[in-house]
Amino acid sequence: MSLWLCELKLTYEGFMYTIEKKSWGYELIFGGDTSVEEASRWHEEWTEILKNQIGPFSVFVDMRTLIPLCKEAMEPLAEGQRLARQRGMIRSVVVVQNPATASQFRRIAGDTGINQWERYIDANALADWMQRGLDWILHGIEPSQAREAVRSH
């Protein structure tokens, strides 16, 4: 089995990520605190996986437990977004709980030019964040319009 078909889960000193191939694309989970070196390792793995990508795909990114990044660690992730778009990404959704993390990745999306294809969901505000994210990447239904907001308690 090729690397890109299996789930890859790596943990480096408090930073964890998984990359899982799905029928519609990729599910990425990021958590913890990261350094430039760790973000660069993710970028290397992501680049290798996307070399085998043929055709359009979507990306579901769960960053609920990711600690805001230092400025230098944001660049490998930005390059990963650019590469995903070049390799055929049609939509992505990013689920966050930390407003600072959301702000960082909105800025990255603007800098990389993918903001028209990427949506952000605050998991603190929407109990059905996973369904809303899937509705966006699979059907193009805006997360804010899918249903009335359900507030977490």
C-alpha atoms as a PDB file:
ATOM      1  CA  MET A   1       0.000   0.000   0.000  1.00  0.00           C
ATOM      2  CA  SER A   2       1.340   3.429  -0.914  1.00  0.00           C
ATOM      3  CA  LEU A   3       1.970   5.975   1.800  1.00  0.00           C
ATOM      4  CA  TRP A   4      -0.724   8.286   0.434  1.00  0.00           C
ATOM      5  CA  LEU A   5      -3.459   5.666   0.865  1.00  0.00           C
ATOM      6  CA  CYS A   6      -2.900   5.053   4.544  1.00  0.00           C
ATOM      7  CA  GLU A   7      -3.320   7.161   7.608  1.00  0.00           C
ATOM      8  CA  LEU A   8      -0.159   8.858   8.716  1.00  0.00           C
ATOM      9  CA  LYS A   9       0.021   9.905  12.351  1.00  0.00           C
ATOM     10  CA  LEU A  10       3.125  11.563  13.676  1.00  0.00           C
ATOM     11  CA  THR A  11       3.790  13.208  17.004  1.00  0.00           C
ATOM     12  CA  TYR A  12       6.788  15.448  17.669  1.00  0.00           C
ATOM     13  CA  GLU A  13       7.255  16.849  21.174  1.00  0.00           C
ATOM     14  CA  GLY A  14       3.713  18.120  21.691  1.00  0.00           C
ATOM     15  CA  PHE A  15       2.813  18.640  18.005  1.00  0.00           C
ATOM     16  CA  MET A  16       0.628  16.003  16.440  1.00  0.00           C
ATOM     17  CA  TYR A  17      -0.777  15.642  12.968  1.00  0.00           C
ATOM     18  CA  THR A  18      -2.595  13.034  10.964  1.00  0.00           C
ATOM     19  CA  ILE A  19      -3.153  12.880   7.242  1.00  0.00           C
ATOM     20  CA  GLU A  20      -5.861  10.453   6.200  1.00  0.00           C
ATOM     21  CA  LYS A  21      -6.968   9.710   2.635  1.00  0.00           C
ATOM     22  CA  LYS A  22     -10.752   9.744   2.216  1.00  0.00           C
ATOM     23  CA  SER A  23     -12.974   9.069  -0.801  1.00  0.00           C
ATOM     24  CA  TRP A  24     -13.414  12.844  -1.272  1.00  0.00           C
ATOM     25  CA  GLY A  25      -9.825  13.900  -0.497  1.00  0.00           C
ATOM     26  CA  TYR A  26      -7.906  14.271   2.758  1.00  0.00           C
ATOM     27  CA  GLU A  27      -8.663  14.758   6.416  1.00  0.00           C
ATOM     28  CA  LEU A  28      -5.905  16.585   8.279  1.00  0.00           C
ATOM     29  CA  ILE A  29      -5.780  16.905  12.050  1.00  0.00           C
ATOM     30  CA  PHE A  30      -3.313  19.235  13.745  1.00  0.00           C
ATOM     31  CA  GLY A  31      -2.885  19.590  17.491  1.00  0.00           C
ATOM     32  CA  GLY A  32      -0.551  20.969  20.114  1.00  0.00           C
ATOM     33  CA  ASP A  33       2.332  23.371  19.771  1.00  0.00           C
ATOM     34  CA  THR A  34       4.630  23.347  16.750  1.00  0.00           C
ATOM     35  CA  SER A  35       8.047  24.558  15.749  1.00  0.00           C
ATOM     36  CA  VAL A  36       9.390  25.485  12.325  1.00  0.00           C
ATOM     37  CA  GLU A  37      11.090  22.073  12.101  1.00  0.00           C
ATOM     38  CA  GLU A  38       7.868  20.212  12.895  1.00  0.00           C
ATOM     39  CA  ALA A  39       5.839  22.253  10.422  1.00  0.00           C
ATOM     40  CA  SER A  40       8.532  21.565   7.815  1.00  0.00           C
ATOM     41  CA  ARG A  41       8.292  17.809   8.471  1.00  0.00           C
ATOM     42  CA  TRP A  42       4.535  18.012   7.879  1.00  0.00           C
ATOM     43  CA  HIS A  43       5.144  19.913   4.643  1.00  0.00           C
ATOM     44  CA  GLU A  44       7.573  17.233   3.425  1.00  0.00           C
ATOM     45  CA  GLU A  45       5.028  14.462   4.116  1.00  0.00           C
ATOM     46  CA  TRP A  46       2.192  16.445   2.510  1.00  0.00           C
ATOM     47  CA  THR A  47       4.298  17.155  -0.578  1.00  0.00           C
ATOM     48  CA  GLU A  48       5.111  13.452  -0.942  1.00  0.00           C
ATOM     49  CA  ILE A  49       1.444  12.472  -0.572  1.00  0.00           C
ATOM     50  CA  LEU A  50       0.218  15.042  -3.093  1.00  0.00           C
ATOM     51  CA  LYS A  51       2.713  13.828  -5.710  1.00  0.00           C
ATOM     52  CA  ASN A  52       0.335  10.881  -6.214  1.00  0.00           C
ATOM     53  CA  GLN A  53      -2.843  12.986  -6.258  1.00  0.00           C
ATOM     54  CA  ILE A  54      -4.754  12.788  -9.529  1.00  0.00           C
ATOM     55  CA  GLY A  55      -7.915  14.818 -10.078  1.00  0.00           C
ATOM     56  CA  PRO A  56      -9.902  17.177  -7.866  1.00  0.00           C
ATOM     57  CA  PHE A  57     -10.110  16.693  -4.117  1.00  0.00           C
ATOM     58  CA  SER A  58     -11.250  18.431  -0.936  1.00  0.00           C
ATOM     59  CA  VAL A  59      -9.517  18.910   2.416  1.00  0.00           C
ATOM     60  CA  PHE A  60     -11.104  18.815   5.890  1.00  0.00           C
ATOM     61  CA  VAL A  61      -8.744  20.318   8.487  1.00  0.00           C
ATOM     62  CA  ASP A  62      -9.380  19.886  12.219  1.00  0.00           C
ATOM     63  CA  MET A  63      -7.288  22.418  14.165  1.00  0.00           C
ATOM     64  CA  ARG A  64      -9.391  22.496  17.321  1.00  0.00           C
ATOM     65  CA  THR A  65      -6.420  21.700  19.560  1.00  0.00           C
ATOM     66  CA  LEU A  66      -3.682  23.509  17.616  1.00  0.00           C
ATOM     67  CA  ILE A  67      -1.896  26.219  19.552  1.00  0.00           C
ATOM     68  CA  PRO A  68      -1.302  29.425  17.532  1.00  0.00           C
ATOM     69  CA  LEU A  69       1.884  29.202  15.493  1.00  0.00           C
ATOM     70  CA  CYS A  70       4.984  31.314  15.582  1.00  0.00           C
ATOM     71  CA  LYS A  71       5.398  33.368  12.393  1.00  0.00           C
ATOM     72  CA  GLU A  72       8.168  31.147  11.015  1.00  0.00           C
ATOM     73  CA  ALA A  73       6.111  27.940  11.436  1.00  0.00           C
ATOM     74  CA  MET A  74       3.274  29.394   9.361  1.00  0.00           C
ATOM     75  CA  GLU A  75       5.296  29.370   6.107  1.00  0.00           C
ATOM     76  CA  PRO A  76       5.488  25.568   5.616  1.00  0.00           C
ATOM     77  CA  LEU A  77       1.742  25.351   6.218  1.00  0.00           C
ATOM     78  CA  ALA A  78       1.125  28.171   3.739  1.00  0.00           C
ATOM     79  CA  GLU A  79       3.252  26.349   1.167  1.00  0.00           C
ATOM     80  CA  GLY A  80       1.178  23.237   1.843  1.00  0.00           C
ATOM     81  CA  GLN A  81      -1.993  25.180   1.034  1.00  0.00           C
ATOM     82  CA  ARG A  82      -0.503  26.500  -2.195  1.00  0.00           C
ATOM     83  CA  LEU A  83       0.575  23.016  -3.197  1.00  0.00           C
ATOM     84  CA  ALA A  84      -2.864  21.557  -2.448  1.00  0.00           C
ATOM     85  CA  ARG A  85      -4.489  24.109  -4.726  1.00  0.00           C
ATOM     86  CA  GLN A  86      -1.958  23.451  -7.487  1.00  0.00           C
ATOM     87  CA  ARG A  87      -2.572  19.700  -7.222  1.00  0.00           C
ATOM     88  CA  GLY A  88      -6.359  20.043  -7.593  1.00  0.00           C
ATOM     89  CA  MET A  89      -7.930  21.049  -4.264  1.00  0.00           C
ATOM     90  CA  ILE A  90     -11.423  22.370  -4.984  1.00  0.00           C
ATOM     91  CA  ARG A  91     -12.599  23.157  -1.423  1.00  0.00           C
ATOM     92  CA  SER A  92     -11.301  23.067   2.113  1.00  0.00           C
ATOM     93  CA  VAL A  93     -12.726  23.653   5.540  1.00  0.00           C
ATOM     94  CA  VAL A  94     -10.805  24.484   8.709  1.00  0.00           C
ATOM     95  CA  VAL A  95     -12.354  23.783  12.115  1.00  0.00           C
ATOM     96  CA  VAL A  96     -10.900  25.783  15.011  1.00  0.00           C
ATOM     97  CA  GLN A  97     -11.632  26.629  18.633  1.00  0.00           C
ATOM     98  CA  ASN A  98      -9.007  29.299  19.188  1.00  0.00           C
ATOM     99  CA  PRO A  99      -9.716  32.717  17.598  1.00  0.00           C
ATOM    100  CA  ALA A 100      -5.975  33.426  17.225  1.00  0.00           C
ATOM    101  CA  THR A 101      -5.496  30.205  15.245  1.00  0.00           C
ATOM    102  CA  ALA A 102      -8.481  31.089  13.048  1.00  0.00           C
ATOM    103  CA  SER A 103      -7.018  34.529  12.406  1.00  0.00           C
ATOM    104  CA  GLN A 104      -3.628  33.071  11.445  1.00  0.00           C
ATOM    105  CA  PHE A 105      -5.109  30.663   8.932  1.00  0.00           C
ATOM    106  CA  ARG A 106      -7.466  33.241   7.432  1.00  0.00           C
ATOM    107  CA  ARG A 107      -4.398  35.393   6.830  1.00  0.00           C
ATOM    108  CA  ILE A 108      -2.520  32.446   5.287  1.00  0.00           C
ATOM    109  CA  ALA A 109      -5.485  31.683   3.007  1.00  0.00           C
ATOM    110  CA  GLY A 110      -5.523  35.296   1.847  1.00  0.00           C
ATOM    111  CA  ASP A 111      -1.778  35.276   1.256  1.00  0.00           C
ATOM    112  CA  THR A 112      -1.895  31.995  -0.684  1.00  0.00           C
ATOM    113  CA  GLY A 113      -4.959  32.936  -2.711  1.00  0.00           C
ATOM    114  CA  ILE A 114      -7.114  30.014  -1.571  1.00  0.00           C
ATOM    115  CA  ASN A 115      -9.563  32.011   0.535  1.00  0.00           C
ATOM    116  CA  GLN A 116     -12.368  31.725  -2.019  1.00  0.00           C
ATOM    117  CA  TRP A 117     -12.234  27.902  -1.652  1.00  0.00           C
ATOM    118  CA  GLU A 118     -11.675  27.721   2.117  1.00  0.00           C
ATOM    119  CA  ARG A 119     -14.190  28.134   4.939  1.00  0.00           C
ATOM    120  CA  TYR A 120     -13.707  28.368   8.701  1.00  0.00           C
ATOM    121  CA  ILE A 121     -15.911  26.887  11.379  1.00  0.00           C
ATOM    122  CA  ASP A 122     -15.747  27.794  15.065  1.00  0.00           C
ATOM    123  CA  ALA A 123     -16.359  24.504  16.890  1.00  0.00           C
ATOM    124  CA  ASN A 124     -17.201  26.498  20.035  1.00  0.00           C
ATOM    125  CA  ALA A 125     -20.174  28.094  18.261  1.00  0.00           C
ATOM    126  CA  LEU A 126     -21.477  25.160  16.223  1.00  0.00           C
ATOM    127  CA  ALA A 127     -22.158  21.760  17.769  1.00  0.00           C
ATOM    128  CA  ASP A 128     -22.583  20.237  14.288  1.00  0.00           C
ATOM    129  CA  TRP A 129     -19.223  21.505  13.001  1.00  0.00           C
ATOM    130  CA  MET A 130     -18.302  18.214  11.358  1.00  0.00           C
ATOM    131  CA  GLN A 131     -21.515  17.984   9.331  1.00  0.00           C
ATOM    132  CA  ARG A 132     -21.261  21.620   8.303  1.00  0.00           C
ATOM    133  CA  GLY A 133     -17.684  21.095   7.183  1.00  0.00           C
ATOM    134  CA  LEU A 134     -18.634  18.042   5.151  1.00  0.00           C
ATOM    135  CA  ASP A 135     -21.601  19.918   3.642  1.00  0.00           C
ATOM    136  CA  TRP A 136     -19.158  22.571   2.414  1.00  0.00           C
ATOM    137  CA  ILE A 137     -16.476  20.316   0.961  1.00  0.00           C
ATOM    138  CA  LEU A 138     -18.903  17.773  -0.546  1.00  0.00           C
ATOM    139  CA  HIS A 139     -21.844  19.935  -1.645  1.00  0.00           C
ATOM    140  CA  GLY A 140     -20.684  23.559  -1.593  1.00  0.00           C
ATOM    141  CA  ILE A 141     -23.175  24.499   1.143  1.00  0.00           C
ATOM    142  CA  GLU A 142     -21.831  27.460   3.080  1.00  0.00           C
ATOM    143  CA  PRO A 143     -21.268  26.444   6.730  1.00  0.00           C
ATOM    144  CA  SER A 144     -22.994  29.586   7.981  1.00  0.00           C
ATOM    145  CA  GLN A 145     -26.066  28.841   5.854  1.00  0.00           C
ATOM    146  CA  ALA A 146     -26.403  25.090   6.394  1.00  0.00           C
ATOM    147  CA  ARG A 147     -28.615  25.447   9.480  1.00  0.00           C
ATOM    148  CA  GLU A 148     -29.326  27.903  12.246  1.00  0.00           C
ATOM    149  CA  ALA A 149     -26.310  28.186  14.508  1.00  0.00           C
ATOM    150  CA  VAL A 150     -26.355  25.766  17.412  1.00  0.00           C
ATOM    151  CA  ARG A 151     -24.476  27.170  20.381  1.00  0.00           C
ATOM    152  CA  SER A 152     -22.369  24.891  22.567  1.00  0.00           C
ATOM    153  CA  HIS A 153     -22.947  25.257  26.284  1.00  0.00           C
END
